[in-house]
């Protein structure tokens, strides 16, 4: 990721869609695209690519930079937005434009690269994320979603940070 924050040296591989989603591997560098949820990075034009990585309050892990940047920009004293939930009702979330315009670039084993531009960032409670209709729209073509735990002041929060981007033509 380049722009408001830098994430360098990240390596990626696939992981199966098994709940709870917990990417394995060296947490300082490994990010995982979720096989069975959305599409693979090679098929990015066809739907949403879901990428998971770790952020932790006790040590700097691969996704700490964007997690901390987004979380520090949120004012939890303001009311949360209400967005549609599966089965009716709403999910509460907090949005920030702090990462908008940043680039997410991924290269595959053959050296082919894809670039997305960040257009949204939000925090959603970990227990409500599965009901967030927008987050879980696998058919949203050309979209990438990065997911990490929310970290603020060296503490882990009960939220996930969601970063959404659009594939550059």
Protein backbone atom coordinates (compact mmCIF):
# COMPACT_ATOMS: atom_id res chain seq x y z
CA UNK A 1 0.00 0.00 0.00
CA UNK A 2 1.28 3.44 -0.90
CA UNK A 3 -0.20 6.80 0.04
CA UNK A 4 -1.47 7.76 3.49
CA UNK A 5 0.45 4.78 4.92
CA UNK A 6 3.10 2.44 3.58
CA UNK A 7 2.91 -1.33 3.71
CA UNK A 8 5.96 -2.93 2.18
CA UNK A 9 7.35 -6.44 2.21
CA UNK A 10 3.95 -8.10 2.48
CA UNK A 11 3.77 -11.58 0.99
CA UNK A 12 0.52 -13.24 0.07
CA UNK A 13 -0.97 -16.66 -0.42
CA UNK A 14 -4.44 -18.17 -0.30
CA UNK A 15 -6.37 -19.51 2.69
CA UNK A 16 -9.65 -21.42 2.77
CA UNK A 17 -12.91 -19.78 3.81
CA UNK A 18 -13.30 -21.26 7.30
CA UNK A 19 -14.82 -19.29 10.16
CA UNK A 20 -13.40 -17.70 12.18
CA UNK A 21 -11.13 -16.21 9.52
CA UNK A 22 -7.60 -16.24 10.93
CA UNK A 23 -4.77 -16.00 8.38
CA UNK A 24 -1.87 -18.34 9.14
CA UNK A 25 1.78 -17.65 8.45
CA UNK A 26 4.38 -15.13 9.61
CA UNK A 27 2.17 -12.35 10.95
CA UNK A 28 4.75 -9.62 10.33
CA UNK A 29 4.50 -10.11 6.54
CA UNK A 30 1.83 -12.62 5.49
CA UNK A 31 -1.50 -11.56 4.06
CA UNK A 32 -4.02 -14.06 2.67
CA UNK A 33 -6.67 -13.88 -0.01
CA UNK A 34 -9.66 -15.98 0.96
CA UNK A 35 -10.35 -18.88 -1.41
CA UNK A 36 -14.09 -19.48 -1.38
CA UNK A 37 -15.07 -15.91 -0.56
CA UNK A 38 -15.11 -13.59 -3.55
CA UNK A 39 -12.58 -14.11 -6.34
CA UNK A 40 -8.83 -14.70 -6.57
CA UNK A 41 -6.55 -11.74 -7.33
CA UNK A 42 -6.04 -13.19 -10.84
CA UNK A 43 -9.80 -12.77 -11.46
CA UNK A 44 -10.07 -9.34 -9.83
CA UNK A 45 -12.21 -7.89 -12.63
CA UNK A 46 -14.92 -10.49 -11.95
CA UNK A 47 -15.77 -9.68 -8.32
CA UNK A 48 -14.39 -8.79 -4.91
CA UNK A 49 -10.96 -9.95 -3.71
CA UNK A 50 -10.85 -10.39 0.09
CA UNK A 51 -7.42 -9.99 1.71
CA UNK A 52 -6.81 -10.63 5.41
CA UNK A 53 -3.79 -9.68 7.47
CA UNK A 54 -2.96 -9.17 11.11
CA UNK A 55 -2.77 -6.01 13.20
CA UNK A 56 -2.06 -6.23 16.91
CA UNK A 57 -1.69 -3.79 19.77
CA UNK A 58 1.29 -5.62 21.27
CA UNK A 59 3.55 -5.74 18.19
CA UNK A 60 3.77 -4.16 14.74
CA UNK A 61 2.29 -6.68 12.30
CA UNK A 62 1.73 -6.41 8.54
CA UNK A 63 -1.54 -4.43 8.60
CA UNK A 64 -0.84 -2.28 11.68
CA UNK A 65 -0.03 0.81 9.57
CA UNK A 66 -3.48 1.15 7.99
CA UNK A 67 -5.31 -0.17 11.05
CA UNK A 68 -3.75 2.42 13.33
CA UNK A 69 -4.09 5.28 10.81
CA UNK A 70 -7.79 4.58 10.26
CA UNK A 71 -8.62 3.92 13.90
CA UNK A 72 -6.92 7.10 15.13
CA UNK A 73 -9.02 9.11 12.67
CA UNK A 74 -12.33 7.77 14.06
CA UNK A 75 -14.28 9.77 16.65
CA UNK A 76 -16.10 7.12 18.66
CA UNK A 77 -18.01 9.87 20.50
CA UNK A 78 -20.00 10.57 17.34
CA UNK A 79 -22.93 8.34 16.41
CA UNK A 80 -22.11 5.40 14.16
CA UNK A 81 -23.50 5.20 10.63
CA UNK A 82 -26.24 2.64 10.12
CA UNK A 83 -25.93 0.55 6.95
CA UNK A 84 -28.08 -2.33 5.65
CA UNK A 85 -27.72 -5.73 7.28
CA UNK A 86 -28.70 -9.14 6.01
CA UNK A 87 -32.16 -10.13 7.20
CA UNK A 88 -33.22 -6.52 7.63
CA UNK A 89 -32.09 -4.06 10.22
CA UNK A 90 -28.76 -2.29 10.22
CA UNK A 91 -25.10 -2.66 11.10
CA UNK A 92 -23.26 0.15 12.90
CA UNK A 93 -19.97 1.33 11.49
CA UNK A 94 -17.57 4.28 11.62
CA UNK A 95 -16.09 5.64 8.38
CA UNK A 96 -13.02 7.73 7.62
CA UNK A 97 -11.65 9.15 4.35
CA UNK A 98 -8.06 9.11 5.71
CA UNK A 99 -6.83 6.38 3.31
CA UNK A 100 -8.78 7.46 0.22
CA UNK A 101 -6.60 7.73 -2.87
CA UNK A 102 -3.95 5.33 -1.55
CA UNK A 103 -2.79 2.58 -3.91
CA UNK A 104 -2.88 -1.14 -3.23
CA UNK A 105 -0.54 -3.05 -5.56
CA UNK A 106 -0.26 -6.84 -5.67
CA UNK A 107 2.16 -8.89 -7.78
CA UNK A 108 1.61 -12.58 -8.44
CA UNK A 109 4.28 -15.28 -8.76
CA UNK A 110 4.59 -14.56 -12.50
CA UNK A 111 5.26 -10.86 -11.84
CA UNK A 112 1.88 -9.61 -13.06
CA UNK A 113 0.67 -6.68 -10.98
CA UNK A 114 -2.76 -5.27 -10.25
CA UNK A 115 -3.49 -1.91 -8.68
CA UNK A 116 -6.52 -0.72 -6.77
CA UNK A 117 -7.24 2.79 -5.47
CA UNK A 118 -8.74 3.07 -1.98
CA UNK A 119 -12.19 4.67 -1.96
CA UNK A 120 -13.59 3.78 1.49
CA UNK A 121 -12.41 2.79 4.96
CA UNK A 122 -14.60 1.86 7.89
CA UNK A 123 -14.64 0.09 11.23
CA UNK A 124 -17.31 -2.48 12.00
CA UNK A 125 -17.77 -4.54 15.15
CA UNK A 126 -16.25 -7.99 14.64
CA UNK A 127 -19.52 -9.70 15.56
CA UNK A 128 -21.51 -7.58 13.09
CA UNK A 129 -19.14 -7.71 10.11
CA UNK A 130 -20.71 -10.89 8.75
CA UNK A 131 -24.04 -9.05 8.44
CA UNK A 132 -22.67 -5.96 6.62
CA UNK A 133 -24.29 -6.22 3.17
CA UNK A 134 -21.77 -3.95 1.42
CA UNK A 135 -18.76 -5.70 2.91
CA UNK A 136 -20.01 -9.14 1.91
CA UNK A 137 -21.01 -8.31 -1.67
CA UNK A 138 -18.74 -10.82 -3.45
CA UNK A 139 -20.10 -9.84 -6.89
CA UNK A 140 -18.93 -6.21 -6.69
CA UNK A 141 -16.64 -6.28 -9.72
CA UNK A 142 -13.09 -4.93 -9.54
CA UNK A 143 -13.14 -4.36 -5.80
CA UNK A 144 -10.58 -5.30 -3.17
CA UNK A 145 -11.32 -5.51 0.55
CA UNK A 146 -8.52 -5.52 3.13
CA UNK A 147 -9.50 -6.68 6.62
CA UNK A 148 -7.51 -6.35 9.85
CA UNK A 149 -8.19 -6.01 13.55
CA UNK A 150 -8.55 -2.44 14.80
CA UNK A 151 -5.65 -1.17 16.92
CA UNK A 152 -5.45 2.09 18.86
CA UNK A 153 -3.04 3.20 21.61
CA UNK A 154 -1.44 -0.27 21.72
CA UNK A 155 -4.84 -1.83 22.40
CA UNK A 156 -6.87 -4.23 20.31
CA UNK A 157 -10.43 -3.03 19.79
CA UNK A 158 -13.57 -5.07 19.14
CA UNK A 159 -13.67 -3.83 15.55
CA UNK A 160 -12.31 -4.83 12.19
CA UNK A 161 -10.85 -2.17 9.92
CA UNK A 162 -12.18 -2.56 6.37
CA UNK A 163 -10.37 -0.90 3.45
CA UNK A 164 -12.15 -0.93 0.09
CA UNK A 165 -10.51 -0.12 -3.24
CA UNK A 166 -11.33 -0.14 -6.95
CA UNK A 167 -9.24 -1.85 -9.63
CA UNK A 168 -7.47 0.61 -11.92
CA UNK A 169 -8.18 0.03 -15.62
